[in-house]
C-alpha atoms as a PDB file:
ATOM      1  CA  UNK A   1       0.000   0.000   0.000  1.00  0.00           C
ATOM      2  CA  UNK A   2       2.826   2.387   0.801  1.00  0.00           C
ATOM      3  CA  UNK A   3       4.428   1.727  -2.600  1.00  0.00           C
ATOM      4  CA  UNK A   4       1.218   2.538  -4.453  1.00  0.00           C
ATOM      5  CA  UNK A   5       0.753   5.803  -2.538  1.00  0.00           C
ATOM      6  CA  UNK A   6       4.300   6.927  -3.311  1.00  0.00           C
ATOM      7  CA  UNK A   7       3.835   6.304  -7.014  1.00  0.00           C
ATOM      8  CA  UNK A   8       0.651   8.358  -7.139  1.00  0.00           C
ATOM      9  CA  UNK A   9       2.224  11.282  -5.359  1.00  0.00           C
ATOM     10  CA  UNK A  10       5.156  11.309  -7.805  1.00  0.00           C
ATOM     11  CA  UNK A  11       2.811  11.236 -10.791  1.00  0.00           C
ATOM     12  CA  UNK A  12       0.877  14.116  -9.358  1.00  0.00           C
ATOM     13  CA  UNK A  13       4.035  16.208  -9.005  1.00  0.00           C
ATOM     14  CA  UNK A  14       5.086  15.484 -12.560  1.00  0.00           C
ATOM     15  CA  UNK A  15       1.608  16.299 -13.853  1.00  0.00           C
ATOM     16  CA  UNK A  16       1.518  19.541 -11.890  1.00  0.00           C
ATOM     17  CA  UNK A  17       4.893  20.629 -13.271  1.00  0.00           C
ATOM     18  CA  UNK A  18       3.845  19.797 -16.828  1.00  0.00           C
ATOM     19  CA  UNK A  19       0.553  21.601 -16.408  1.00  0.00           C
ATOM     20  CA  UNK A  20       2.305  24.685 -15.058  1.00  0.00           C
ATOM     21  CA  UNK A  21       4.796  24.605 -17.931  1.00  0.00           C
ATOM     22  CA  UNK A  22       2.024  24.269 -20.491  1.00  0.00           C
ATOM     23  CA  UNK A  23       0.081  27.104 -18.859  1.00  0.00           C
ATOM     24  CA  UNK A  24       3.129  29.376 -18.834  1.00  0.00           C
ATOM     25  CA  UNK A  25       3.878  28.571 -22.470  1.00  0.00           C
ATOM     26  CA  UNK A  26       0.252  29.173 -23.460  1.00  0.00           C
ATOM     27  CA  UNK A  27       0.127  32.450 -21.558  1.00  0.00           C
ATOM     28  CA  UNK A  28       3.404  33.558 -23.107  1.00  0.00           C
ATOM     29  CA  UNK A  29       2.180  32.738 -26.605  1.00  0.00           C
ATOM     30  CA  UNK A  30      -1.022  34.709 -26.075  1.00  0.00           C
ATOM     31  CA  UNK A  31       0.323  37.738 -24.261  1.00  0.00           C
ATOM     32  CA  UNK A  32       4.033  37.861 -24.959  1.00  0.00           C
ATOM     33  CA  UNK A  33       3.669  39.042 -28.543  1.00  0.00           C
ATOM     34  CA  UNK A  34       6.720  37.175 -29.713  1.00  0.00           C
ATOM     35  CA  UNK A  35       8.908  38.650 -26.993  1.00  0.00           C
ATOM     36  CA  UNK A  36      10.211  37.022 -23.888  1.00  0.00           C
ATOM     37  CA  UNK A  37       7.964  37.239 -20.869  1.00  0.00           C
ATOM     38  CA  UNK A  38      11.023  37.870 -18.767  1.00  0.00           C
ATOM     39  CA  UNK A  39      12.003  41.067 -20.629  1.00  0.00           C
ATOM     40  CA  UNK A  40      11.128  44.233 -18.654  1.00  0.00           C
ATOM     41  CA  UNK A  41       8.524  46.253 -20.520  1.00  0.00           C
ATOM     42  CA  UNK A  42       6.950  49.668 -20.399  1.00  0.00           C
ATOM     43  CA  UNK A  43       3.486  50.856 -21.409  1.00  0.00           C
ATOM     44  CA  UNK A  44       2.287  53.787 -23.526  1.00  0.00           C
ATOM     45  CA  UNK A  45      -1.172  54.794 -24.770  1.00  0.00           C
ATOM     46  CA  UNK A  46      -2.459  55.769 -28.208  1.00  0.00           C
ATOM     47  CA  UNK A  47      -5.915  56.615 -29.559  1.00  0.00           C
ATOM     48  CA  UNK A  48      -7.573  55.685 -32.852  1.00  0.00           C
ATOM     49  CA  UNK A  49     -10.853  56.468 -34.565  1.00  0.00           C
ATOM     50  CA  UNK A  50     -11.042  52.906 -35.924  1.00  0.00           C
ATOM     51  CA  UNK A  51      -8.670  50.049 -35.082  1.00  0.00           C
ATOM     52  CA  UNK A  52      -9.899  47.883 -38.020  1.00  0.00           C
ATOM     53  CA  UNK A  53      -9.781  44.592 -36.131  1.00  0.00           C
ATOM     54  CA  UNK A  54      -6.842  45.198 -33.778  1.00  0.00           C
ATOM     55  CA  UNK A  55      -7.160  42.919 -30.725  1.00  0.00           C
ATOM     56  CA  UNK A  56      -5.443  42.356 -27.427  1.00  0.00           C
ATOM     57  CA  UNK A  57      -2.151  40.528 -27.933  1.00  0.00           C
ATOM     58  CA  UNK A  58      -1.539  41.929 -31.441  1.00  0.00           C
ATOM     59  CA  UNK A  59       2.147  42.581 -32.069  1.00  0.00           C
ATOM     60  CA  UNK A  60       3.861  45.953 -31.821  1.00  0.00           C
ATOM     61  CA  UNK A  61       6.617  46.545 -34.381  1.00  0.00           C
ATOM     62  CA  UNK A  62       9.342  49.101 -34.780  1.00  0.00           C
ATOM     63  CA  UNK A  63      11.239  49.288 -38.071  1.00  0.00           C
ATOM     64  CA  UNK A  64       9.980  45.807 -38.939  1.00  0.00           C
ATOM     65  CA  UNK A  65      11.115  44.235 -35.634  1.00  0.00           C
ATOM     66  CA  UNK A  66       8.606  42.965 -33.065  1.00  0.00           C
ATOM     67  CA  UNK A  67       9.261  44.711 -29.755  1.00  0.00           C
ATOM     68  CA  UNK A  68       6.045  44.177 -27.788  1.00  0.00           C
ATOM     69  CA  UNK A  69       2.307  43.598 -27.946  1.00  0.00           C
ATOM     70  CA  UNK A  70      -1.057  45.251 -27.418  1.00  0.00           C
ATOM     71  CA  UNK A  71      -2.037  44.961 -23.758  1.00  0.00           C
ATOM     72  CA  UNK A  72      -5.544  46.421 -23.881  1.00  0.00           C
ATOM     73  CA  UNK A  73      -8.132  47.725 -26.394  1.00  0.00           C
ATOM     74  CA  UNK A  74     -11.186  49.574 -25.100  1.00  0.00           C
ATOM     75  CA  UNK A  75     -13.755  52.180 -26.109  1.00  0.00           C
ATOM     76  CA  UNK A  76     -13.336  55.633 -24.543  1.00  0.00           C
ATOM     77  CA  UNK A  77     -15.234  57.910 -26.995  1.00  0.00           C
ATOM     78  CA  UNK A  78     -13.317  61.056 -26.071  1.00  0.00           C
ATOM     79  CA  UNK A  79     -14.047  62.820 -29.365  1.00  0.00           C
ATOM     80  CA  UNK A  80     -14.568  62.063 -33.052  1.00  0.00           C
ATOM     81  CA  UNK A  81     -10.911  61.065 -33.537  1.00  0.00           C
ATOM     82  CA  UNK A  82     -10.291  59.353 -30.184  1.00  0.00           C
ATOM     83  CA  UNK A  83     -12.870  56.615 -30.098  1.00  0.00           C
ATOM     84  CA  UNK A  84     -10.680  53.648 -29.083  1.00  0.00           C
ATOM     85  CA  UNK A  85      -7.853  53.602 -26.535  1.00  0.00           C
ATOM     86  CA  UNK A  86      -5.004  51.155 -27.191  1.00  0.00           C
ATOM     87  CA  UNK A  87      -2.421  50.381 -24.503  1.00  0.00           C
ATOM     88  CA  UNK A  88       0.848  49.024 -25.901  1.00  0.00           C
ATOM     89  CA  UNK A  89       3.622  47.257 -24.008  1.00  0.00           C
ATOM     90  CA  UNK A  90       7.164  47.322 -25.443  1.00  0.00           C
ATOM     91  CA  UNK A  91      10.572  46.211 -24.249  1.00  0.00           C
ATOM     92  CA  UNK A  92      12.566  48.595 -22.085  1.00  0.00           C
ATOM     93  CA  UNK A  93      15.635  47.927 -24.223  1.00  0.00           C
ATOM     94  CA  UNK A  94      14.138  50.047 -27.029  1.00  0.00           C
ATOM     95  CA  UNK A  95      12.343  52.543 -24.803  1.00  0.00           C
ATOM     96  CA  UNK A  96      15.034  55.196 -25.340  1.00  0.00           C
ATOM     97  CA  UNK A  97      13.993  55.332 -29.018  1.00  0.00           C
ATOM     98  CA  UNK A  98      10.478  56.482 -28.085  1.00  0.00           C
ATOM     99  CA  UNK A  99      10.977  60.252 -27.941  1.00  0.00           C
ATOM    100  CA  UNK A 100       8.454  63.072 -27.953  1.00  0.00           C
ATOM    101  CA  UNK A 101       8.085  63.125 -31.758  1.00  0.00           C
ATOM    102  CA  UNK A 102       7.453  59.383 -32.072  1.00  0.00           C
ATOM    103  CA  UNK A 103       4.271  58.349 -33.909  1.00  0.00           C
ATOM    104  CA  UNK A 104       2.225  55.144 -34.168  1.00  0.00           C
ATOM    105  CA  UNK A 105      -0.010  53.801 -36.923  1.00  0.00           C
ATOM    106  CA  UNK A 106      -1.908  50.642 -37.723  1.00  0.00           C
ATOM    107  CA  UNK A 107      -0.506  48.103 -40.165  1.00  0.00           C
ATOM    108  CA  UNK A 108      -1.616  44.848 -41.702  1.00  0.00           C
ATOM    109  CA  UNK A 109       0.337  41.588 -41.952  1.00  0.00           C
ATOM    110  CA  UNK A 110      -0.090  40.564 -45.562  1.00  0.00           C
ATOM    111  CA  UNK A 111      -2.732  42.035 -47.837  1.00  0.00           C
ATOM    112  CA  UNK A 112      -5.729  41.148 -45.656  1.00  0.00           C
ATOM    113  CA  UNK A 113      -3.979  39.733 -42.561  1.00  0.00           C
ATOM    114  CA  UNK A 114      -4.006  40.514 -38.899  1.00  0.00           C
ATOM    115  CA  UNK A 115      -3.498  44.044 -37.617  1.00  0.00           C
ATOM    116  CA  UNK A 116      -0.504  45.307 -35.703  1.00  0.00           C
ATOM    117  CA  UNK A 117       0.797  48.589 -34.300  1.00  0.00           C
ATOM    118  CA  UNK A 118       3.745  50.127 -36.120  1.00  0.00           C
ATOM    119  CA  UNK A 119       5.939  52.613 -34.200  1.00  0.00           C
ATOM    120  CA  UNK A 120       7.800  55.361 -36.033  1.00  0.00           C
ATOM    121  CA  UNK A 121      10.557  56.285 -33.518  1.00  0.00           C
ATOM    122  CA  UNK A 122      11.392  59.880 -32.842  1.00  0.00           C
ATOM    123  CA  UNK A 123      14.638  61.749 -33.275  1.00  0.00           C
ATOM    124  CA  UNK A 124      17.783  60.227 -31.833  1.00  0.00           C
ATOM    125  CA  UNK A 125      18.578  63.363 -29.795  1.00  0.00           C
ATOM    126  CA  UNK A 126      15.165  63.605 -28.123  1.00  0.00           C
ATOM    127  CA  UNK A 127      14.481  62.587 -24.518  1.00  0.00           C
ATOM    128  CA  UNK A 128      12.607  59.280 -24.020  1.00  0.00           C
ATOM    129  CA  UNK A 129       8.940  59.538 -23.097  1.00  0.00           C
ATOM    130  CA  UNK A 130       7.683  58.603 -19.649  1.00  0.00           C
ATOM    131  CA  UNK A 131       5.712  55.432 -19.064  1.00  0.00           C
ATOM    132  CA  UNK A 132       1.991  55.909 -19.678  1.00  0.00           C
ATOM    133  CA  UNK A 133       2.531  58.818 -22.100  1.00  0.00           C
ATOM    134  CA  UNK A 134       0.054  59.279 -24.967  1.00  0.00           C
ATOM    135  CA  UNK A 135       1.825  58.811 -28.307  1.00  0.00           C
ATOM    136  CA  UNK A 136       0.230  60.569 -31.254  1.00  0.00           C
ATOM    137  CA  UNK A 137      -1.082  58.509 -34.153  1.00  0.00           C
ATOM    138  CA  UNK A 138      -0.612  58.799 -37.871  1.00  0.00           C
ATOM    139  CA  UNK A 139      -3.456  57.679 -40.167  1.00  0.00           C
ATOM    140  CA  UNK A 140      -1.946  55.329 -42.732  1.00  0.00           C
ATOM    141  CA  UNK A 141      -5.306  54.454 -44.281  1.00  0.00           C
ATOM    142  CA  UNK A 142      -7.235  51.210 -44.193  1.00  0.00           C
ATOM    143  CA  UNK A 143      -7.614  48.338 -46.588  1.00  0.00           C
ATOM    144  CA  UNK A 144     -11.292  49.171 -47.021  1.00  0.00           C
ATOM    145  CA  UNK A 145     -10.449  52.741 -47.975  1.00  0.00           C
ATOM    146  CA  UNK A 146      -7.810  51.444 -50.369  1.00  0.00           C
ATOM    147  CA  UNK A 147     -10.385  49.148 -51.990  1.00  0.00           C
ATOM    148  CA  UNK A 148     -12.868  51.993 -52.294  1.00  0.00           C
ATOM    149  CA  UNK A 149     -10.248  54.241 -53.874  1.00  0.00           C
ATOM    150  CA  UNK A 150      -9.254  51.427 -56.219  1.00  0.00           C
ATOM    151  CA  UNK A 151     -12.862  50.858 -57.273  1.00  0.00           C
ATOM    152  CA  UNK A 152     -13.327  54.595 -57.819  1.00  0.00           C
ATOM    153  CA  UNK A 153     -10.142  54.762 -59.912  1.00  0.00           C
ATOM    154  CA  UNK A 154     -11.227  51.753 -61.982  1.00  0.00           C
ATOM    155  CA  UNK A 155     -14.647  53.317 -62.536  1.00  0.00           C
ATOM    156  CA  UNK A 156     -13.105  56.585 -63.671  1.00  0.00           C
ATOM    157  CA  UNK A 157     -10.702  54.692 -65.934  1.00  0.00           C
ATOM    158  CA  UNK A 158     -13.636  52.795 -67.445  1.00  0.00           C
ATOM    159  CA  UNK A 159     -15.510  56.025 -68.102  1.00  0.00           C
ATOM    160  CA  UNK A 160     -12.426  57.519 -69.722  1.00  0.00           C
ATOM    161  CA  UNK A 161     -11.958  54.460 -71.956  1.00  0.00           C
ATOM    162  CA  UNK A 162     -15.638  54.614 -72.953  1.00  0.00           C
ATOM    163  CA  UNK A 163     -15.359  58.303 -73.835  1.00  0.00           C
ATOM    164  CA  UNK A 164     -12.169  57.677 -75.786  1.00  0.00           C
ATOM    165  CA  UNK A 165     -13.823  54.846 -77.706  1.00  0.00           C
ATOM    166  CA  UNK A 166     -16.732  57.137 -78.563  1.00  0.00           C
ATOM    167  CA  UNK A 167     -14.362  59.858 -79.774  1.00  0.00           C
ATOM    168  CA  UNK A 168     -12.474  57.369 -81.958  1.00  0.00           C
ATOM    169  CA  UNK A 169     -15.756  56.093 -83.402  1.00  0.00           C
ATOM    170  CA  UNK A 170     -16.811  59.644 -84.326  1.00  0.00           C
ATOM    171  CA  UNK A 171     -13.417  60.243 -85.892  1.00  0.00           C
ATOM    172  CA  UNK A 172     -13.781  57.090 -87.998  1.00  0.00           C
ATOM    173  CA  UNK A 173     -17.189  58.345 -89.188  1.00  0.00           C
ATOM    174  CA  UNK A 174     -15.641  61.692 -90.138  1.00  0.00           C
ATOM    175  CA  UNK A 175     -17.677  63.683 -87.603  1.00  0.00           C
ATOM    176  CA  UNK A 176     -16.425  66.868 -86.068  1.00  0.00           C
ATOM    177  CA  UNK A 177     -13.148  68.673 -86.660  1.00  0.00           C
ATOM    178  CA  UNK A 178     -10.957  65.729 -85.675  1.00  0.00           C
ATOM    179  CA  UNK A 179     -12.999  63.410 -87.871  1.00  0.00           C
ATOM    180  CA  UNK A 180     -12.620  65.656 -90.918  1.00  0.00           C
ATOM    181  CA  UNK A 181      -8.922  66.041 -90.219  1.00  0.00           C
ATOM    182  CA  UNK A 182      -8.560  62.268 -90.040  1.00  0.00           C
ATOM    183  CA  UNK A 183     -10.579  61.482 -93.187  1.00  0.00           C
ATOM    184  CA  UNK A 184     -10.369  64.540 -95.477  1.00  0.00           C
ATOM    185  CA  UNK A 185      -7.586  64.145 -98.044  1.00  0.00           C
ATOM    186  CA  UNK A 186      -7.872  67.797 -99.104  1.00  0.00           C
ATOM    187  CA  UNK A 187      -6.521  68.897 -95.744  1.00  0.00           C
ATOM    188  CA  UNK A 188      -3.536  66.603 -96.249  1.00  0.00           C
ATOM    189  CA  UNK A 189      -2.906  68.146 -99.682  1.00  0.00           C
ATOM    190  CA  UNK A 190      -3.138  71.675 -98.295  1.00  0.00           C
ATOM    191  CA  UNK A 191      -0.790  70.858 -95.457  1.00  0.00           C
ATOM    192  CA  UNK A 192       1.667  69.319 -97.921  1.00  0.00           C
ATOM    193  CA  UNK A 193       1.578  72.480-100.069  1.00  0.00           C
ATOM    194  CA  UNK A 194       1.975  74.611 -96.959  1.00  0.00           C
ATOM    195  CA  UNK A 195       5.042  72.665 -95.904  1.00  0.00           C
ATOM    196  CA  UNK A 196       6.510  73.018 -99.412  1.00  0.00           C
ATOM    197  CA  UNK A 197       5.944  76.782 -99.359  1.00  0.00           C
ATOM    198  CA  UNK A 198       7.437  77.032 -95.904  1.00  0.00           C
ATOM    199  CA  UNK A 199      10.478  75.141 -97.133  1.00  0.00           C
ATOM    200  CA  UNK A 200      10.917  77.595-100.028  1.00  0.00           C
ATOM    201  CA  UNK A 201      10.425  80.557 -97.710  1.00  0.00           C
ATOM    202  CA  UNK A 202      12.993  79.186 -95.306  1.00  0.00           C
ATOM    203  CA  UNK A 203      15.479  78.734 -98.153  1.00  0.00           C
ATOM    204  CA  UNK A 204      14.866  82.316 -99.330  1.00  0.00           C
ATOM    205  CA  UNK A 205      15.313  83.654 -95.824  1.00  0.00           C
ATOM    206  CA  UNK A 206      18.519  81.713 -95.498  1.00  0.00           C
ATOM    207  CA  UNK A 207      19.854  83.164 -98.760  1.00  0.00           C
ATOM    208  CA  UNK A 208      18.842  86.672 -97.654  1.00  0.00           C
ATOM    209  CA  UNK A 209      20.589  86.095 -94.370  1.00  0.00           C
ATOM    210  CA  UNK A 210      23.704  85.002 -96.201  1.00  0.00           C
ATOM    211  CA  UNK A 211      23.615  88.176 -98.340  1.00  0.00           C
ATOM    212  CA  UNK A 212      23.193  90.324 -95.245  1.00  0.00           C
ATOM    213  CA  UNK A 213      26.118  88.595 -93.588  1.00  0.00           C
ATOM    214  CA  UNK A 214      28.230  89.112 -96.743  1.00  0.00           C
ATOM    215  CA  UNK A 215      27.341  92.831 -96.829  1.00  0.00           C
ATOM    216  CA  UNK A 216      28.209  93.208 -93.161  1.00  0.00           C
ATOM    217  CA  UNK A 217      31.529  91.482 -93.732  1.00  0.00           C
ATOM    218  CA  UNK A 218      32.301  93.724 -96.716  1.00  0.00           C
ATOM    219  CA  UNK A 219      31.393  96.838 -94.707  1.00  0.00           C
ATOM    220  CA  UNK A 220      33.570  95.648 -91.880  1.00  0.00           C
ATOM    221  CA  UNK A 221      36.468  95.066 -94.271  1.00  0.00           C
ATOM    222  CA  UNK A 222      35.989  98.557 -95.779  1.00  0.00           C
ATOM    223  CA  UNK A 223      35.954 100.163 -92.331  1.00  0.00           C
ATOM    224  CA  UNK A 224      39.042  98.180 -91.390  1.00  0.00           C
ATOM    225  CA  UNK A 225      40.816  99.337 -94.589  1.00  0.00           C
ATOM    226  CA  UNK A 226      39.825 102.936 -93.916  1.00  0.00           C
ATOM    227  CA  UNK A 227      41.129 102.689 -90.371  1.00  0.00           C
ATOM    228  CA  UNK A 228      44.376 101.236 -91.671  1.00  0.00           C
ATOM    229  CA  UNK A 229      44.744 104.098 -94.156  1.00  0.00           C
ATOM    230  CA  UNK A 230      44.043 106.629 -91.413  1.00  0.00           C
ATOM    231  CA  UNK A 231      46.640 104.967 -89.191  1.00  0.00           C
ATOM    232  CA  UNK A 232      49.158 105.007 -92.051  1.00  0.00           C
ATOM    233  CA  UNK A 233      48.502 108.754 -92.809  1.00  0.00           C
ATOM    234  CA  UNK A 234      47.214 107.914 -96.292  1.00  0.00           C
ATOM    235  CA  UNK A 235      44.590 110.096 -98.003  1.00  0.00           C
ATOM    236  CA  UNK A 236      42.937 113.307 -96.886  1.00  0.00           C
ATOM    237  CA  UNK A 237      41.432 111.869 -93.736  1.00  0.00           C
ATOM    238  CA  UNK A 238      44.728 110.330 -92.711  1.00  0.00           C
ATOM    239  CA  UNK A 239      46.564 113.605 -93.213  1.00  0.00           C
ATOM    240  CA  UNK A 240      43.769 115.445 -91.405  1.00  0.00           C
ATOM    241  CA  UNK A 241      44.194 113.123 -88.434  1.00  0.00           C
ATOM    242  CA  UNK A 242      47.998 113.269 -88.292  1.00  0.00           C
ATOM    243  CA  UNK A 243      49.348 116.412 -90.093  1.00  0.00           C
ATOM    244  CA  UNK A 244      49.819 119.306 -87.592  1.00  0.00           C
ATOM    245  CA  UNK A 245      50.256 121.857 -90.401  1.00  0.00           C
ATOM    246  CA  UNK A 246      46.620 121.410 -91.474  1.00  0.00           C
ATOM    247  CA  UNK A 247      45.546 122.022 -87.905  1.00  0.00           C
ATOM    248  CA  UNK A 248      47.687 125.148 -87.716  1.00  0.00           C
ATOM    249  CA  UNK A 249      46.202 126.460 -90.992  1.00  0.00           C
ATOM    250  CA  UNK A 250      42.686 125.827 -89.750  1.00  0.00           C
ATOM    251  CA  UNK A 251      43.507 127.602 -86.498  1.00  0.00           C
ATOM    252  CA  UNK A 252      44.974 130.621 -88.337  1.00  0.00           C
ATOM    253  CA  UNK A 253      41.997 130.797 -90.713  1.00  0.00           C
ATOM    254  CA  UNK A 254      39.616 130.603 -87.774  1.00  0.00           C
ATOM    255  CA  UNK A 255      41.517 133.466 -86.078  1.00  0.00           C
ATOM    256  CA  UNK A 256      41.324 135.663 -89.165  1.00  0.00           C
ATOM    257  CA  UNK A 257      37.645 134.888 -89.665  1.00  0.00           C
ATOM    258  CA  UNK A 258      37.027 135.779 -86.030  1.00  0.00           C
ATOM    259  CA  UNK A 259      38.829 139.139 -86.571  1.00  0.00           C
ATOM    260  CA  UNK A 260      36.721 139.916 -89.647  1.00  0.00           C
ATOM    261  CA  UNK A 261      33.502 139.069 -87.798  1.00  0.00           C
ATOM    262  CA  UNK A 262      34.608 141.279 -84.919  1.00  0.00           C
ATOM    263  CA  UNK A 263      35.101 144.234 -87.305  1.00  0.00           C
ATOM    264  CA  UNK A 264      31.755 143.638 -88.923  1.00  0.00           C
ATOM    265  CA  UNK A 265      30.031 143.569 -85.558  1.00  0.00           C
ATOM    266  CA  UNK A 266      31.735 146.834 -84.548  1.00  0.00           C
ATOM    267  CA  UNK A 267      30.774 148.516 -87.911  1.00  0.00           C
ATOM    268  CA  UNK A 268      34.374 148.834 -89.095  1.00  0.00           C
ATOM    269  CA  UNK A 269      35.054 148.889 -92.815  1.00  0.00           C
ATOM    270  CA  UNK A 270      32.685 148.810 -95.770  1.00  0.00           C
ATOM    271  CA  UNK A 271      31.163 145.408 -94.899  1.00  0.00           C
ATOM    272  CA  UNK A 272      30.705 146.472 -91.300  1.00  0.00           C
ATOM    273  CA  UNK A 273      28.899 149.648 -92.361  1.00  0.00           C
ATOM    274  CA  UNK A 274      26.797 147.661 -94.799  1.00  0.00           C
ATOM    275  CA  UNK A 275      25.720 145.334 -92.004  1.00  0.00           C
ATOM    276  CA  UNK A 276      25.181 147.889 -89.232  1.00  0.00           C
ATOM    277  CA  UNK A 277      24.276 151.197 -91.051  1.00  0.00           C
ATOM    278  CA  UNK A 278      20.482 151.357 -91.572  1.00  0.00           C
ATOM    279  CA  UNK A 279      20.657 154.439 -93.823  1.00  0.00           C
ATOM    280  CA  UNK A 280      22.293 152.372 -96.571  1.00  0.00           C
ATOM    281  CA  UNK A 281      19.455 149.894 -96.284  1.00  0.00           C
ATOM    282  CA  UNK A 282      16.898 152.744 -96.519  1.00  0.00           C
ATOM    283  CA  UNK A 283      18.550 154.275 -99.579  1.00  0.00           C
ATOM    284  CA  UNK A 284      18.701 150.875-101.223  1.00  0.00           C
ATOM    285  CA  UNK A 285      14.994 150.327-100.613  1.00  0.00           C
ATOM    286  CA  UNK A 286      14.085 153.751-101.984  1.00  0.00           C
ATOM    287  CA  UNK A 287      16.228 153.141-105.058  1.00  0.00           C
ATOM    288  CA  UNK A 288      14.465 149.842-105.678  1.00  0.00           C
ATOM    289  CA  UNK A 289      11.056 151.570-105.349  1.00  0.00           C
ATOM    290  CA  UNK A 290      12.009 154.272-107.863  1.00  0.00           C
ATOM    291  CA  UNK A 291      13.368 151.710-110.299  1.00  0.00           C
ATOM    292  CA  UNK A 292      10.186 149.670-109.955  1.00  0.00           C
ATOM    293  CA  UNK A 293       8.031 152.786-110.614  1.00  0.00           C
ATOM    294  CA  UNK A 294      10.157 153.685-113.651  1.00  0.00           C
ATOM    295  CA  UNK A 295       9.833 150.224-115.137  1.00  0.00           C
ATOM    296  CA  UNK A 296       6.074 150.292-114.578  1.00  0.00           C
ATOM    297  CA  UNK A 297       5.715 153.711-116.280  1.00  0.00           C
ATOM    298  CA  UNK A 298       7.835 152.564-119.240  1.00  0.00           C
ATOM    299  CA  UNK A 299       5.555 149.579-119.704  1.00  0.00           C
ATOM    300  CA  UNK A 300       2.470 151.818-119.699  1.00  0.00           C
ATOM    301  CA  UNK A 301       3.861 154.734-121.803  1.00  0.00           C
ATOM    302  CA  UNK A 302       6.729 153.453-123.925  1.00  0.00           C
ATOM    303  CA  UNK A 303       6.361 156.326-126.444  1.00  0.00           C
ATOM    304  CA  UNK A 304       7.226 158.783-123.793  1.00  0.00           C
ATOM    305  CA  UNK A 305      10.687 157.291-123.510  1.00  0.00           C
ATOM    306  CA  UNK A 306      11.324 155.693-126.897  1.00  0.00           C
ATOM    307  CA  UNK A 307      10.791 157.346-130.289  1.00  0.00           C
ATOM    308  CA  UNK A 308      11.212 155.303-133.462  1.00  0.00           C
ATOM    309  CA  UNK A 309      11.350 156.695-136.962  1.00  0.00           C
ATOM    310  CA  UNK A 310      11.826 154.700-140.111  1.00  0.00           C
ATOM    311  CA  UNK A 311      12.849 157.720-142.217  1.00  0.00           C
END
């Protein structure tokens, strides 16, 4: 009897140990999120309008590496954007990467897989957040929204293809401006003639441009030759530019002309009196009047002044 009792007690101990081990392993698989249950962890909070199927125990990733899990998901209904509160638990070994400008967003494993929380760490120089801090969220969009946008894009693409097909059909029937341009051979002929005329015009303009360039080159050569002749004291202009005797003669002539003009202005000499004496002008006018009267009288009474006799 004693032997049987000892065997039962040993089996019970082994069963209890195995049960405890299985329970610990099951609890770790459900709540550990792929991390060791012995790693020290810290908690932070984030709010979402819609978690799209996120549940307790969902993994928390940072840069593609699993660092924790979702500890709690509950409704709080704080405002239109903060409907659901999510408490995340991550390893303390990466806690220094969670700075004040860190952000979280929801992700999906696969195309339609389970949800997870993705952490975008803050700047390396920022101070780590305190435990229990609210980390702001970034809306990365949902699969449903992506499907709706895809359906809308496909619908718009279908409408565009339908409209394009209708336009091409009208063009094939020769309707509208594009249809006439696509089917009317006269337009092709006119455009061909226009291109030929433009080609001729371009050739003429090119020839005219060549003539202009030739004329400019010839003018430049002539100016260069003239400058060379001036530099070499050849010709009148060259001598005018370099011969001091011509300058002296011009200066002397200018001095004499200035002396003559001075005498005229001071009424010296015959020319000066002629310019400044008004009595000579008056006598000249009177003489012209008398001559004009005499000529007029001769025209009216020629016999008074001229007598002709044949015998």
